[in-house]
């Protein structure tokens, strides 16, 4: 089962000159996934107020002549994400040991890392 920290720390393989998924779209989805997992890690319950989980077969814009993320790697990671959401939606509770330090200090998301990189901000 994945934690929000696992999602935030995930490094995907970039591609160029062959098929990949749009980096911005993947990063945005992973930011949403991490926020939704924080909801469950903080004790949130499934129901109308719960964040929506990604759906199997989620589609991203394909890239070929510009940078993207390896499609197979993204698809495999999203399968793990969907399994984690299914666990929570069936009433599963987070493992306290796996969450040690996760809720108190959320890390920077892939989208936020990309923005920092584009601006040329120093690493923190």
PDB file of N, CA and C in Angstrom:
ATOM      1  N   UNK A   1       0.849  -1.176   0.000  1.00  0.00           N
ATOM      2  CA  UNK A   1       0.000   0.000   0.000  1.00  0.00           C
ATOM      3  C   UNK A   1       0.898   1.243   0.000  1.00  0.00           C
ATOM      4  N   UNK A   2       0.550   2.193  -0.831  1.00  0.00           N
ATOM      5  CA  UNK A   2       1.325   3.427  -0.964  1.00  0.00           C
ATOM      6  C   UNK A   2       0.901   4.460   0.075  1.00  0.00           C
ATOM      7  N   UNK A   3       1.827   5.328   0.422  1.00  0.00           N
ATOM      8  CA  UNK A   3       1.522   6.474   1.274  1.00  0.00           C
ATOM      9  C   UNK A   3       1.650   7.735   0.421  1.00  0.00           C
ATOM     10  N   UNK A   4       1.182   8.858   0.945  1.00  0.00           N
ATOM     11  CA  UNK A   4       1.329  10.121   0.213  1.00  0.00           C
ATOM     12  C   UNK A   4       2.807  10.435  -0.006  1.00  0.00           C
ATOM     13  N   UNK A   5       3.645  10.074   0.954  1.00  0.00           N
ATOM     14  CA  UNK A   5       5.087  10.299   0.811  1.00  0.00           C
ATOM     15  C   UNK A   5       5.640   9.472  -0.340  1.00  0.00           C
ATOM     16  N   UNK A   6       5.189   8.221  -0.488  1.00  0.00           N
ATOM     17  CA  UNK A   6       5.638   7.394  -1.616  1.00  0.00           C
ATOM     18  C   UNK A   6       5.317   8.075  -2.943  1.00  0.00           C
ATOM     19  N   UNK A   7       4.124   8.659  -3.034  1.00  0.00           N
ATOM     20  CA  UNK A   7       3.704   9.318  -4.272  1.00  0.00           C
ATOM     21  C   UNK A   7       4.553  10.562  -4.519  1.00  0.00           C
ATOM     22  N   UNK A   8       4.777  11.351  -3.470  1.00  0.00           N
ATOM     23  CA  UNK A   8       5.545  12.586  -3.625  1.00  0.00           C
ATOM     24  C   UNK A   8       7.007  12.304  -3.968  1.00  0.00           C
ATOM     25  N   UNK A   9       7.527  11.189  -3.470  1.00  0.00           N
ATOM     26  CA  UNK A   9       8.932  10.860  -3.692  1.00  0.00           C
ATOM     27  C   UNK A   9       9.164  10.060  -4.979  1.00  0.00           C
ATOM     28  N   UNK A  10       8.101   9.674  -5.657  1.00  0.00           N
ATOM     29  CA  UNK A  10       8.224   8.851  -6.865  1.00  0.00           C
ATOM     30  C   UNK A  10       8.959   9.621  -7.958  1.00  0.00           C
ATOM     31  N   UNK A  11       9.986   9.008  -8.512  1.00  0.00           N
ATOM     32  CA  UNK A  11      10.729   9.575  -9.626  1.00  0.00           C
ATOM     33  C   UNK A  11      10.412   8.741 -10.860  1.00  0.00           C
ATOM     34  N   UNK A  12       9.888   9.377 -11.880  1.00  0.00           N
ATOM     35  CA  UNK A  12       9.525   8.686 -13.110  1.00  0.00           C
ATOM     36  C   UNK A  12      10.593   8.922 -14.173  1.00  0.00           C
ATOM     37  N   UNK A  13      10.753   7.936 -15.033  1.00  0.00           N
ATOM     38  CA  UNK A  13      11.768   8.003 -16.076  1.00  0.00           C
ATOM     39  C   UNK A  13      11.318   8.923 -17.213  1.00  0.00           C
ATOM     40  N   UNK A  14      12.104   9.959 -17.524  1.00  0.00           N
ATOM     41  CA  UNK A  14      11.735  10.840 -18.635  1.00  0.00           C
ATOM     42  C   UNK A  14      12.027  10.175 -19.980  1.00  0.00           C
ATOM     43  N   UNK A  15      11.239  10.553 -20.971  1.00  0.00           N
ATOM     44  CA  UNK A  15      11.439  10.065 -22.334  1.00  0.00           C
ATOM     45  C   UNK A  15      11.538  11.261 -23.266  1.00  0.00           C
ATOM     46  N   UNK A  16      12.123  11.042 -24.414  1.00  0.00           N
ATOM     47  CA  UNK A  16      12.144  12.062 -25.455  1.00  0.00           C
ATOM     48  C   UNK A  16      12.388  11.341 -26.773  1.00  0.00           C
ATOM     49  N   UNK A  17      11.719  11.793 -27.806  1.00  0.00           N
ATOM     50  CA  UNK A  17      11.814  11.223 -29.143  1.00  0.00           C
ATOM     51  C   UNK A  17      11.156   9.854 -29.264  1.00  0.00           C
ATOM     52  N   UNK A  18      10.442   9.409 -28.239  1.00  0.00           N
ATOM     53  CA  UNK A  18       9.559   8.260 -28.369  1.00  0.00           C
ATOM     54  C   UNK A  18       8.393   8.462 -27.422  1.00  0.00           C
ATOM     55  N   UNK A  19       7.361   7.683 -27.611  1.00  0.00           N
ATOM     56  CA  UNK A  19       6.091   7.909 -26.915  1.00  0.00           C
ATOM     57  C   UNK A  19       6.269   7.994 -25.402  1.00  0.00           C
ATOM     58  N   UNK A  20       5.603   8.969 -24.823  1.00  0.00           N
ATOM     59  CA  UNK A  20       5.576   9.149 -23.381  1.00  0.00           C
ATOM     60  C   UNK A  20       4.299   9.879 -23.015  1.00  0.00           C
ATOM     61  N   UNK A  21       4.089  10.085 -21.712  1.00  0.00           N
ATOM     62  CA  UNK A  21       2.934  10.841 -21.236  1.00  0.00           C
ATOM     63  C   UNK A  21       3.374  12.249 -20.878  1.00  0.00           C
ATOM     64  N   UNK A  22       2.515  13.211 -21.112  1.00  0.00           N
ATOM     65  CA  UNK A  22       2.776  14.604 -20.794  1.00  0.00           C
ATOM     66  C   UNK A  22       3.157  14.739 -19.322  1.00  0.00           C
ATOM     67  N   UNK A  23       4.338  15.292 -19.070  1.00  0.00           N
ATOM     68  CA  UNK A  23       4.846  15.399 -17.697  1.00  0.00           C
ATOM     69  C   UNK A  23       3.937  16.221 -16.800  1.00  0.00           C
ATOM     70  N   UNK A  24       3.455  17.347 -17.310  1.00  0.00           N
ATOM     71  CA  UNK A  24       2.632  18.233 -16.489  1.00  0.00           C
ATOM     72  C   UNK A  24       1.344  17.522 -16.050  1.00  0.00           C
ATOM     73  N   UNK A  25       0.708  16.802 -16.968  1.00  0.00           N
ATOM     74  CA  UNK A  25      -0.532  16.103 -16.634  1.00  0.00           C
ATOM     75  C   UNK A  25      -0.284  15.019 -15.583  1.00  0.00           C
ATOM     76  N   UNK A  26       0.798  14.271 -15.747  1.00  0.00           N
ATOM     77  CA  UNK A  26       1.127  13.215 -14.777  1.00  0.00           C
ATOM     78  C   UNK A  26       1.447  13.839 -13.425  1.00  0.00           C
ATOM     79  N   UNK A  27       2.272  14.895 -13.407  1.00  0.00           N
ATOM     80  CA  UNK A  27       2.626  15.556 -12.147  1.00  0.00           C
ATOM     81  C   UNK A  27       1.391  16.106 -11.441  1.00  0.00           C
ATOM     82  N   UNK A  28       0.484  16.714 -12.200  1.00  0.00           N
ATOM     83  CA  UNK A  28      -0.745  17.254 -11.603  1.00  0.00           C
ATOM     84  C   UNK A  28      -1.579  16.140 -10.977  1.00  0.00           C
ATOM     85  N   UNK A  29      -1.708  15.015 -11.677  1.00  0.00           N
ATOM     86  CA  UNK A  29      -2.481  13.900 -11.130  1.00  0.00           C
ATOM     87  C   UNK A  29      -1.817  13.363  -9.868  1.00  0.00           C
ATOM     88  N   UNK A  30      -0.494  13.239  -9.874  1.00  0.00           N
ATOM     89  CA  UNK A  30       0.194  12.727  -8.687  1.00  0.00           C
ATOM     90  C   UNK A  30       0.053  13.678  -7.504  1.00  0.00           C
ATOM     91  N   UNK A  31       0.024  14.981  -7.754  1.00  0.00           N
ATOM     92  CA  UNK A  31      -0.226  15.942  -6.671  1.00  0.00           C
ATOM     93  C   UNK A  31      -1.623  15.716  -6.080  1.00  0.00           C
ATOM     94  N   UNK A  32      -2.616  15.521  -6.939  1.00  0.00           N
ATOM     95  CA  UNK A  32      -3.981  15.264  -6.475  1.00  0.00           C
ATOM     96  C   UNK A  32      -4.044  13.959  -5.694  1.00  0.00           C
ATOM     97  N   UNK A  33      -3.364  12.932  -6.179  1.00  0.00           N
ATOM     98  CA  UNK A  33      -3.342  11.630  -5.506  1.00  0.00           C
ATOM     99  C   UNK A  33      -2.726  11.770  -4.120  1.00  0.00           C
ATOM    100  N   UNK A  34      -1.610  12.478  -4.023  1.00  0.00           N
ATOM    101  CA  UNK A  34      -0.946  12.655  -2.722  1.00  0.00           C
ATOM    102  C   UNK A  34      -1.861  13.387  -1.743  1.00  0.00           C
ATOM    103  N   UNK A  35      -2.553  14.415  -2.204  1.00  0.00           N
ATOM    104  CA  UNK A  35      -3.481  15.138  -1.335  1.00  0.00           C
ATOM    105  C   UNK A  35      -4.628  14.236  -0.884  1.00  0.00           C
ATOM    106  N   UNK A  36      -5.138  13.416  -1.795  1.00  0.00           N
ATOM    107  CA  UNK A  36      -6.227  12.508  -1.442  1.00  0.00           C
ATOM    108  C   UNK A  36      -5.744  11.457  -0.444  1.00  0.00           C
ATOM    109  N   UNK A  37      -4.543  10.955  -0.627  1.00  0.00           N
ATOM    110  CA  UNK A  37      -4.014   9.973   0.328  1.00  0.00           C
ATOM    111  C   UNK A  37      -3.803  10.601   1.699  1.00  0.00           C
ATOM    112  N   UNK A  38      -3.410  11.871   1.737  1.00  0.00           N
ATOM    113  CA  UNK A  38      -3.281  12.558   3.037  1.00  0.00           C
ATOM    114  C   UNK A  38      -4.626  12.598   3.763  1.00  0.00           C
ATOM    115  N   UNK A  39      -5.701  12.759   3.002  1.00  0.00           N
ATOM    116  CA  UNK A  39      -7.046  12.760   3.579  1.00  0.00           C
ATOM    117  C   UNK A  39      -7.282  11.443   4.330  1.00  0.00           C
ATOM    118  N   UNK A  40      -6.990  10.325   3.695  1.00  0.00           N
ATOM    119  CA  UNK A  40      -7.195   9.021   4.338  1.00  0.00           C
ATOM    120  C   UNK A  40      -6.199   8.790   5.466  1.00  0.00           C
ATOM    121  N   UNK A  41      -4.959   9.235   5.284  1.00  0.00           N
ATOM    122  CA  UNK A  41      -3.941   9.059   6.316  1.00  0.00           C
ATOM    123  C   UNK A  41      -4.276   9.859   7.576  1.00  0.00           C
ATOM    124  N   UNK A  42      -4.992  10.953   7.406  1.00  0.00           N
ATOM    125  CA  UNK A  42      -5.384  11.777   8.543  1.00  0.00           C
ATOM    126  C   UNK A  42      -6.672  11.275   9.192  1.00  0.00           C
ATOM    127  N   UNK A  43      -7.170  10.137   8.744  1.00  0.00           N
ATOM    128  CA  UNK A  43      -8.362   9.552   9.355  1.00  0.00           C
ATOM    129  C   UNK A  43      -9.639   9.753   8.567  1.00  0.00           C
ATOM    130  N   UNK A  44      -9.549  10.331   7.389  1.00  0.00           N
ATOM    131  CA  UNK A  44     -10.736  10.530   6.559  1.00  0.00           C
ATOM    132  C   UNK A  44     -11.376   9.205   6.181  1.00  0.00           C
ATOM    133  N   UNK A  45     -12.666   9.245   6.000  1.00  0.00           N
ATOM    134  CA  UNK A  45     -13.438   8.043   5.665  1.00  0.00           C
ATOM    135  C   UNK A  45     -13.987   8.146   4.249  1.00  0.00           C
ATOM    136  N   UNK A  46     -14.219   6.987   3.620  1.00  0.00           N
ATOM    137  CA  UNK A  46     -14.859   7.010   2.299  1.00  0.00           C
ATOM    138  C   UNK A  46     -16.273   7.567   2.400  1.00  0.00           C
ATOM    139  N   UNK A  47     -16.765   8.116   1.334  1.00  0.00           N
ATOM    140  CA  UNK A  47     -18.111   8.672   1.325  1.00  0.00           C
ATOM    141  C   UNK A  47     -18.185   9.868   0.410  1.00  0.00           C
ATOM    142  N   UNK A  48     -19.296  10.598   0.473  1.00  0.00           N
ATOM    143  CA  UNK A  48     -19.484  11.730  -0.443  1.00  0.00           C
ATOM    144  C   UNK A  48     -18.421  12.818  -0.310  1.00  0.00           C
ATOM    145  N   UNK A  49     -17.864  13.022   0.859  1.00  0.00           N
ATOM    146  CA  UNK A  49     -16.861  14.067   1.050  1.00  0.00           C
ATOM    147  C   UNK A  49     -15.444  13.624   0.745  1.00  0.00           C
ATOM    148  N   UNK A  50     -15.259  12.341   0.444  1.00  0.00           N
ATOM    149  CA  UNK A  50     -13.916  11.817   0.185  1.00  0.00           C
ATOM    150  C   UNK A  50     -13.440  12.220  -1.209  1.00  0.00           C
ATOM    151  N   UNK A  51     -12.142  12.396  -1.361  1.00  0.00           N
ATOM    152  CA  UNK A  51     -11.612  12.735  -2.689  1.00  0.00           C
ATOM    153  C   UNK A  51     -11.831  11.591  -3.669  1.00  0.00           C
ATOM    154  N   UNK A  52     -11.971  11.932  -4.924  1.00  0.00           N
ATOM    155  CA  UNK A  52     -12.160  10.922  -5.961  1.00  0.00           C
ATOM    156  C   UNK A  52     -10.845  10.205  -6.240  1.00  0.00           C
ATOM    157  N   UNK A  53     -10.947   8.922  -6.514  1.00  0.00           N
ATOM    158  CA  UNK A  53      -9.751   8.162  -6.857  1.00  0.00           C
ATOM    159  C   UNK A  53      -9.569   8.138  -8.366  1.00  0.00           C
ATOM    160  N   UNK A  54      -8.321   7.981  -8.816  1.00  0.00           N
ATOM    161  CA  UNK A  54      -8.101   7.884 -10.262  1.00  0.00           C
ATOM    162  C   UNK A  54      -8.769   6.614 -10.794  1.00  0.00           C
ATOM    163  N   UNK A  55      -9.161   6.631 -12.027  1.00  0.00           N
ATOM    164  CA  UNK A  55      -9.845   5.484 -12.614  1.00  0.00           C
ATOM    165  C   UNK A  55      -8.873   4.657 -13.437  1.00  0.00           C
ATOM    166  N   UNK A  56      -9.105   3.346 -13.492  1.00  0.00           N
ATOM    167  CA  UNK A  56      -8.261   2.519 -14.359  1.00  0.00           C
ATOM    168  C   UNK A  56      -8.378   3.028 -15.801  1.00  0.00           C
ATOM    169  N   UNK A  57      -7.284   2.998 -16.514  1.00  0.00           N
ATOM    170  CA  UNK A  57      -7.292   3.454 -17.898  1.00  0.00           C
ATOM    171  C   UNK A  57      -7.251   4.961 -18.048  1.00  0.00           C
ATOM    172  N   UNK A  58      -6.840   5.673 -16.986  1.00  0.00           N
ATOM    173  CA  UNK A  58      -6.732   7.134 -17.062  1.00  0.00           C
ATOM    174  C   UNK A  58      -5.872   7.498 -18.272  1.00  0.00           C
ATOM    175  N   UNK A  59      -6.292   8.472 -19.040  1.00  0.00           N
ATOM    176  CA  UNK A  59      -5.588   8.859 -20.263  1.00  0.00           C
ATOM    177  C   UNK A  59      -4.861  10.185 -20.089  1.00  0.00           C
ATOM    178  N   UNK A  60      -3.633  10.200 -20.589  1.00  0.00           N
ATOM    179  CA  UNK A  60      -2.815  11.396 -20.615  1.00  0.00           C
ATOM    180  C   UNK A  60      -2.523  11.732 -22.068  1.00  0.00           C
ATOM    181  N   UNK A  61      -2.163  12.983 -22.312  1.00  0.00           N
ATOM    182  CA  UNK A  61      -1.728  13.383 -23.641  1.00  0.00           C
ATOM    183  C   UNK A  61      -0.404  12.692 -23.939  1.00  0.00           C
ATOM    184  N   UNK A  62      -0.303  12.137 -25.120  1.00  0.00           N
ATOM    185  CA  UNK A  62       0.919  11.445 -25.540  1.00  0.00           C
ATOM    186  C   UNK A  62       1.934  12.453 -26.058  1.00  0.00           C
ATOM    187  N   UNK A  63       3.209  12.199 -25.781  1.00  0.00           N
ATOM    188  CA  UNK A  63       4.284  13.049 -26.280  1.00  0.00           C
ATOM    189  C   UNK A  63       5.174  12.204 -27.175  1.00  0.00           C
ATOM    190  N   UNK A  64       5.837  12.824 -28.091  1.00  0.00           N
ATOM    191  CA  UNK A  64       6.778  12.098 -28.942  1.00  0.00           C
ATOM    192  C   UNK A  64       8.042  12.919 -29.181  1.00  0.00           C
ATOM    193  N   UNK A  65       7.883  14.153 -29.558  1.00  0.00           N
ATOM    194  CA  UNK A  65       9.046  14.978 -29.867  1.00  0.00           C
ATOM    195  C   UNK A  65       9.435  15.894 -28.708  1.00  0.00           C
ATOM    196  N   UNK A  66       8.759  15.760 -27.602  1.00  0.00           N
ATOM    197  CA  UNK A  66       9.115  16.542 -26.418  1.00  0.00           C
ATOM    198  C   UNK A  66       9.154  15.602 -25.220  1.00  0.00           C
ATOM    199  N   UNK A  67       9.687  16.114 -24.137  1.00  0.00           N
ATOM    200  CA  UNK A  67       9.837  15.265 -22.940  1.00  0.00           C
ATOM    201  C   UNK A  67       8.501  14.759 -22.437  1.00  0.00           C
ATOM    202  N   UNK A  68       8.543  13.572 -21.928  1.00  0.00           N
ATOM    203  CA  UNK A  68       7.386  12.968 -21.291  1.00  0.00           C
ATOM    204  C   UNK A  68       7.878  11.965 -20.270  1.00  0.00           C
ATOM    205  N   UNK A  69       6.943  11.200 -19.703  1.00  0.00           N
ATOM    206  CA  UNK A  69       7.294  10.127 -18.778  1.00  0.00           C
ATOM    207  C   UNK A  69       7.009   8.798 -19.453  1.00  0.00           C
ATOM    208  N   UNK A  70       7.834   7.806 -19.152  1.00  0.00           N
ATOM    209  CA  UNK A  70       7.663   6.472 -19.701  1.00  0.00           C
ATOM    210  C   UNK A  70       6.250   5.957 -19.419  1.00  0.00           C
ATOM    211  N   UNK A  71       5.534   5.612 -20.484  1.00  0.00           N
ATOM    212  CA  UNK A  71       4.123   5.230 -20.361  1.00  0.00           C
ATOM    213  C   UNK A  71       3.928   3.997 -19.499  1.00  0.00           C
ATOM    214  N   UNK A  72       4.731   2.964 -19.728  1.00  0.00           N
ATOM    215  CA  UNK A  72       4.559   1.718 -18.974  1.00  0.00           C
ATOM    216  C   UNK A  72       4.814   1.938 -17.481  1.00  0.00           C
ATOM    217  N   UNK A  73       5.831   2.713 -17.170  1.00  0.00           N
ATOM    218  CA  UNK A  73       6.156   2.996 -15.771  1.00  0.00           C
ATOM    219  C   UNK A  73       5.017   3.762 -15.088  1.00  0.00           C
ATOM    220  N   UNK A  74       4.466   4.751 -15.783  1.00  0.00           N
ATOM    221  CA  UNK A  74       3.347   5.518 -15.221  1.00  0.00           C
ATOM    222  C   UNK A  74       2.140   4.608 -15.019  1.00  0.00           C
ATOM    223  N   UNK A  75       1.818   3.788 -16.024  1.00  0.00           N
ATOM    224  CA  UNK A  75       0.663   2.888 -15.922  1.00  0.00           C
ATOM    225  C   UNK A  75       0.807   1.915 -14.754  1.00  0.00           C
ATOM    226  N   UNK A  76       2.004   1.364 -14.572  1.00  0.00           N
ATOM    227  CA  UNK A  76       2.237   0.426 -13.469  1.00  0.00           C
ATOM    228  C   UNK A  76       2.101   1.122 -12.117  1.00  0.00           C
ATOM    229  N   UNK A  77       2.617   2.342 -12.018  1.00  0.00           N
ATOM    230  CA  UNK A  77       2.500   3.074 -10.758  1.00  0.00           C
ATOM    231  C   UNK A  77       1.040   3.420 -10.474  1.00  0.00           C
ATOM    232  N   UNK A  78       0.289   3.804 -11.510  1.00  0.00           N
ATOM    233  CA  UNK A  78      -1.126   4.116 -11.310  1.00  0.00           C
ATOM    234  C   UNK A  78      -1.917   2.891 -10.868  1.00  0.00           C
ATOM    235  N   UNK A  79      -1.513   1.699 -11.297  1.00  0.00           N
ATOM    236  CA  UNK A  79      -2.167   0.480 -10.807  1.00  0.00           C
ATOM    237  C   UNK A  79      -1.991   0.367  -9.295  1.00  0.00           C
ATOM    238  N   UNK A  80      -0.800   0.659  -8.795  1.00  0.00           N
ATOM    239  CA  UNK A  80      -0.554   0.630  -7.349  1.00  0.00           C
ATOM    240  C   UNK A  80      -1.398   1.685  -6.639  1.00  0.00           C
ATOM    241  N   UNK A  81      -1.497   2.864  -7.253  1.00  0.00           N
ATOM    242  CA  UNK A  81      -2.305   3.948  -6.678  1.00  0.00           C
ATOM    243  C   UNK A  81      -3.760   3.509  -6.576  1.00  0.00           C
ATOM    244  N   UNK A  82      -4.286   2.921  -7.629  1.00  0.00           N
ATOM    245  CA  UNK A  82      -5.684   2.493  -7.653  1.00  0.00           C
ATOM    246  C   UNK A  82      -5.931   1.405  -6.610  1.00  0.00           C
ATOM    247  N   UNK A  83      -4.985   0.477  -6.454  1.00  0.00           N
ATOM    248  CA  UNK A  83      -5.109  -0.556  -5.419  1.00  0.00           C
ATOM    249  C   UNK A  83      -5.165   0.074  -4.029  1.00  0.00           C
ATOM    250  N   UNK A  84      -4.338   1.093  -3.803  1.00  0.00           N
ATOM    251  CA  UNK A  84      -4.321   1.777  -2.507  1.00  0.00           C
ATOM    252  C   UNK A  84      -5.660   2.461  -2.245  1.00  0.00           C
ATOM    253  N   UNK A  85      -6.190   3.160  -3.251  1.00  0.00           N
ATOM    254  CA  UNK A  85      -7.490   3.803  -3.084  1.00  0.00           C
ATOM    255  C   UNK A  85      -8.588   2.775  -2.839  1.00  0.00           C
ATOM    256  N   UNK A  86      -8.526   1.662  -3.540  1.00  0.00           N
ATOM    257  CA  UNK A  86      -9.529   0.606  -3.345  1.00  0.00           C
ATOM    258  C   UNK A  86      -9.494   0.120  -1.889  1.00  0.00           C
ATOM    259  N   UNK A  87      -8.305  -0.039  -1.344  1.00  0.00           N
ATOM    260  CA  UNK A  87      -8.148  -0.447   0.050  1.00  0.00           C
ATOM    261  C   UNK A  87      -8.864   0.535   0.984  1.00  0.00           C
ATOM    262  N   UNK A  88      -8.597   1.831   0.789  1.00  0.00           N
ATOM    263  CA  UNK A  88      -9.228   2.839   1.642  1.00  0.00           C
ATOM    264  C   UNK A  88     -10.730   2.913   1.415  1.00  0.00           C
ATOM    265  N   UNK A  89     -11.169   2.797   0.179  1.00  0.00           N
ATOM    266  CA  UNK A  89     -12.598   2.884  -0.124  1.00  0.00           C
ATOM    267  C   UNK A  89     -13.378   1.692   0.424  1.00  0.00           C
ATOM    268  N   UNK A  90     -12.681   0.589   0.697  1.00  0.00           N
ATOM    269  CA  UNK A  90     -13.314  -0.582   1.310  1.00  0.00           C
ATOM    270  C   UNK A  90     -13.250  -0.511   2.840  1.00  0.00           C
ATOM    271  N   UNK A  91     -12.811   0.631   3.369  1.00  0.00           N
ATOM    272  CA  UNK A  91     -12.780   0.823   4.818  1.00  0.00           C
ATOM    273  C   UNK A  91     -11.442   0.553   5.453  1.00  0.00           C
ATOM    274  N   UNK A  92     -10.406   0.294   4.664  1.00  0.00           N
ATOM    275  CA  UNK A  92      -9.074   0.048   5.211  1.00  0.00           C
ATOM    276  C   UNK A  92      -8.536   1.270   5.936  1.00  0.00           C
ATOM    277  N   UNK A  93      -7.703   1.021   6.892  1.00  0.00           N
ATOM    278  CA  UNK A  93      -7.099   2.100   7.671  1.00  0.00           C
ATOM    279  C   UNK A  93      -5.597   2.132   7.412  1.00  0.00           C
ATOM    280  N   UNK A  94      -4.975   3.291   7.518  1.00  0.00           N
ATOM    281  CA  UNK A  94      -3.530   3.390   7.269  1.00  0.00           C
ATOM    282  C   UNK A  94      -2.719   2.674   8.339  1.00  0.00           C
ATOM    283  N   UNK A  95      -1.561   2.193   7.952  1.00  0.00           N
ATOM    284  CA  UNK A  95      -0.626   1.552   8.867  1.00  0.00           C
ATOM    285  C   UNK A  95       0.176   2.645   9.567  1.00  0.00           C
ATOM    286  N   UNK A  96       0.042   2.771  10.897  1.00  0.00           N
ATOM    287  CA  UNK A  96       0.737   3.854  11.606  1.00  0.00           C
ATOM    288  C   UNK A  96       2.251   3.841  11.396  1.00  0.00           C
ATOM    289  N   UNK A  97       2.861   2.660  11.299  1.00  0.00           N
ATOM    290  CA  UNK A  97       4.311   2.597  11.103  1.00  0.00           C
ATOM    291  C   UNK A  97       4.699   3.125   9.722  1.00  0.00           C
ATOM    292  N   UNK A  98       3.893   2.846   8.719  1.00  0.00           N
ATOM    293  CA  UNK A  98       4.199   3.315   7.364  1.00  0.00           C
ATOM    294  C   UNK A  98       4.042   4.829   7.264  1.00  0.00           C
ATOM    295  N   UNK A  99       3.236   5.396   8.165  1.00  0.00           N
ATOM    296  CA  UNK A  99       2.968   6.833   8.099  1.00  0.00           C
ATOM    297  C   UNK A  99       3.884   7.677   8.969  1.00  0.00           C
ATOM    298  N   UNK A 100       4.804   7.070   9.671  1.00  0.00           N
ATOM    299  CA  UNK A 100       5.667   7.824  10.576  1.00  0.00           C
ATOM    300  C   UNK A 100       6.283   9.016   9.855  1.00  0.00           C
ATOM    301  N   UNK A 101       5.894  10.215  10.264  1.00  0.00           N
ATOM    302  CA  UNK A 101       6.422  11.444   9.690  1.00  0.00           C
ATOM    303  C   UNK A 101       5.745  11.900   8.410  1.00  0.00           C
ATOM    304  N   UNK A 102       4.856  11.110   7.845  1.00  0.00           N
ATOM    305  CA  UNK A 102       4.229  11.461   6.570  1.00  0.00           C
ATOM    306  C   UNK A 102       3.234  12.593   6.719  1.00  0.00           C
ATOM    307  N   UNK A 103       2.362  12.530   7.696  1.00  0.00           N
ATOM    308  CA  UNK A 103       1.299  13.523   7.845  1.00  0.00           C
ATOM    309  C   UNK A 103       1.855  14.856   8.333  1.00  0.00           C
ATOM    310  N   UNK A 104       2.817  14.813   9.241  1.00  0.00           N
ATOM    311  CA  UNK A 104       3.311  16.046   9.830  1.00  0.00           C
ATOM    312  C   UNK A 104       4.109  16.907   8.844  1.00  0.00           C
ATOM    313  N   UNK A 105       4.789  16.256   7.907  1.00  0.00           N
ATOM    314  CA  UNK A 105       5.633  17.043   7.011  1.00  0.00           C
ATOM    315  C   UNK A 105       5.473  16.579   5.563  1.00  0.00           C
ATOM    316  N   UNK A 106       4.389  17.020   4.902  1.00  0.00           N
ATOM    317  CA  UNK A 106       4.228  16.620   3.508  1.00  0.00           C
ATOM    318  C   UNK A 106       5.364  17.184   2.663  1.00  0.00           C
ATOM    319  N   UNK A 107       5.877  16.350   1.758  1.00  0.00           N
ATOM    320  CA  UNK A 107       6.985  16.811   0.923  1.00  0.00           C
ATOM    321  C   UNK A 107       6.473  17.503  -0.334  1.00  0.00           C
ATOM    322  N   UNK A 108       7.391  18.093  -1.023  1.00  0.00           N
ATOM    323  CA  UNK A 108       7.084  18.830  -2.231  1.00  0.00           C
ATOM    324  C   UNK A 108       6.640  17.858  -3.331  1.00  0.00           C
ATOM    325  N   UNK A 109       5.584  18.197  -4.031  1.00  0.00           N
ATOM    326  CA  UNK A 109       5.062  17.348  -5.087  1.00  0.00           C
ATOM    327  C   UNK A 109       5.814  17.501  -6.391  1.00  0.00           C
ATOM    328  N   UNK A 110       5.606  16.549  -7.319  1.00  0.00           N
ATOM    329  CA  UNK A 110       6.298  16.625  -8.602  1.00  0.00           C
ATOM    330  C   UNK A 110       6.011  17.930  -9.348  1.00  0.00           C
ATOM    331  N   UNK A 111       4.773  18.400  -9.309  1.00  0.00           N
ATOM    332  CA  UNK A 111       4.441  19.658  -9.980  1.00  0.00           C
ATOM    333  C   UNK A 111       5.164  20.832  -9.353  1.00  0.00           C
ATOM    334  N   UNK A 112       5.234  20.813  -8.018  1.00  0.00           N
ATOM    335  CA  UNK A 112       5.927  21.888  -7.317  1.00  0.00           C
ATOM    336  C   UNK A 112       7.428  21.841  -7.594  1.00  0.00           C
ATOM    337  N   UNK A 113       7.987  20.621  -7.678  1.00  0.00           N
ATOM    338  CA  UNK A 113       9.408  20.471  -8.008  1.00  0.00           C
ATOM    339  C   UNK A 113       9.687  21.021  -9.404  1.00  0.00           C
ATOM    340  N   UNK A 114       8.799  20.712 -10.341  1.00  0.00           N
ATOM    341  CA  UNK A 114       8.983  21.170 -11.718  1.00  0.00           C
ATOM    342  C   UNK A 114       8.943  22.698 -11.786  1.00  0.00           C
ATOM    343  N   UNK A 115       7.993  23.317 -11.074  1.00  0.00           N
ATOM    344  CA  UNK A 115       7.909  24.779 -11.068  1.00  0.00           C
ATOM    345  C   UNK A 115       9.162  25.399 -10.474  1.00  0.00           C
ATOM    346  N   UNK A 116       9.642  24.814  -9.382  1.00  0.00           N
ATOM    347  CA  UNK A 116      10.861  25.317  -8.750  1.00  0.00           C
ATOM    348  C   UNK A 116      12.032  25.208  -9.728  1.00  0.00           C
ATOM    349  N   UNK A 117      12.119  24.080 -10.439  1.00  0.00           N
ATOM    350  CA  UNK A 117      13.182  23.879 -11.410  1.00  0.00           C
ATOM    351  C   UNK A 117      13.089  24.900 -12.553  1.00  0.00           C
ATOM    352  N   UNK A 118      11.865  25.128 -13.066  1.00  0.00           N
ATOM    353  CA  UNK A 118      11.683  26.073 -14.162  1.00  0.00           C
ATOM    354  C   UNK A 118      12.068  27.496 -13.758  1.00  0.00           C
ATOM    355  N   UNK A 119      11.768  27.849 -12.519  1.00  0.00           N
ATOM    356  CA  UNK A 119      12.117  29.189 -12.026  1.00  0.00           C
ATOM    357  C   UNK A 119      13.592  29.312 -11.723  1.00  0.00           C
ATOM    358  N   UNK A 120      14.282  28.161 -11.569  1.00  0.00           N
ATOM    359  CA  UNK A 120      15.703  28.179 -11.229  1.00  0.00           C
ATOM    360  C   UNK A 120      15.953  28.347  -9.740  1.00  0.00           C
ATOM    361  N   UNK A 121      14.921  28.055  -8.919  1.00  0.00           N
ATOM    362  CA  UNK A 121      15.082  28.165  -7.476  1.00  0.00           C
ATOM    363  C   UNK A 121      16.107  27.141  -6.987  1.00  0.00           C
ATOM    364  N   UNK A 122      16.867  27.472  -5.948  1.00  0.00           N
ATOM    365  CA  UNK A 122      17.822  26.506  -5.395  1.00  0.00           C
ATOM    366  C   UNK A 122      17.085  25.379  -4.686  1.00  0.00           C
ATOM    367  N   UNK A 123      17.737  24.234  -4.601  1.00  0.00           N
ATOM    368  CA  UNK A 123      17.147  23.098  -3.856  1.00  0.00           C
ATOM    369  C   UNK A 123      17.105  23.442  -2.388  1.00  0.00           C
ATOM    370  N   UNK A 124      16.023  22.993  -1.748  1.00  0.00           N
ATOM    371  CA  UNK A 124      15.946  23.280  -0.314  1.00  0.00           C
ATOM    372  C   UNK A 124      16.291  22.077   0.497  1.00  0.00           C
TER     373      UNK A 124
END
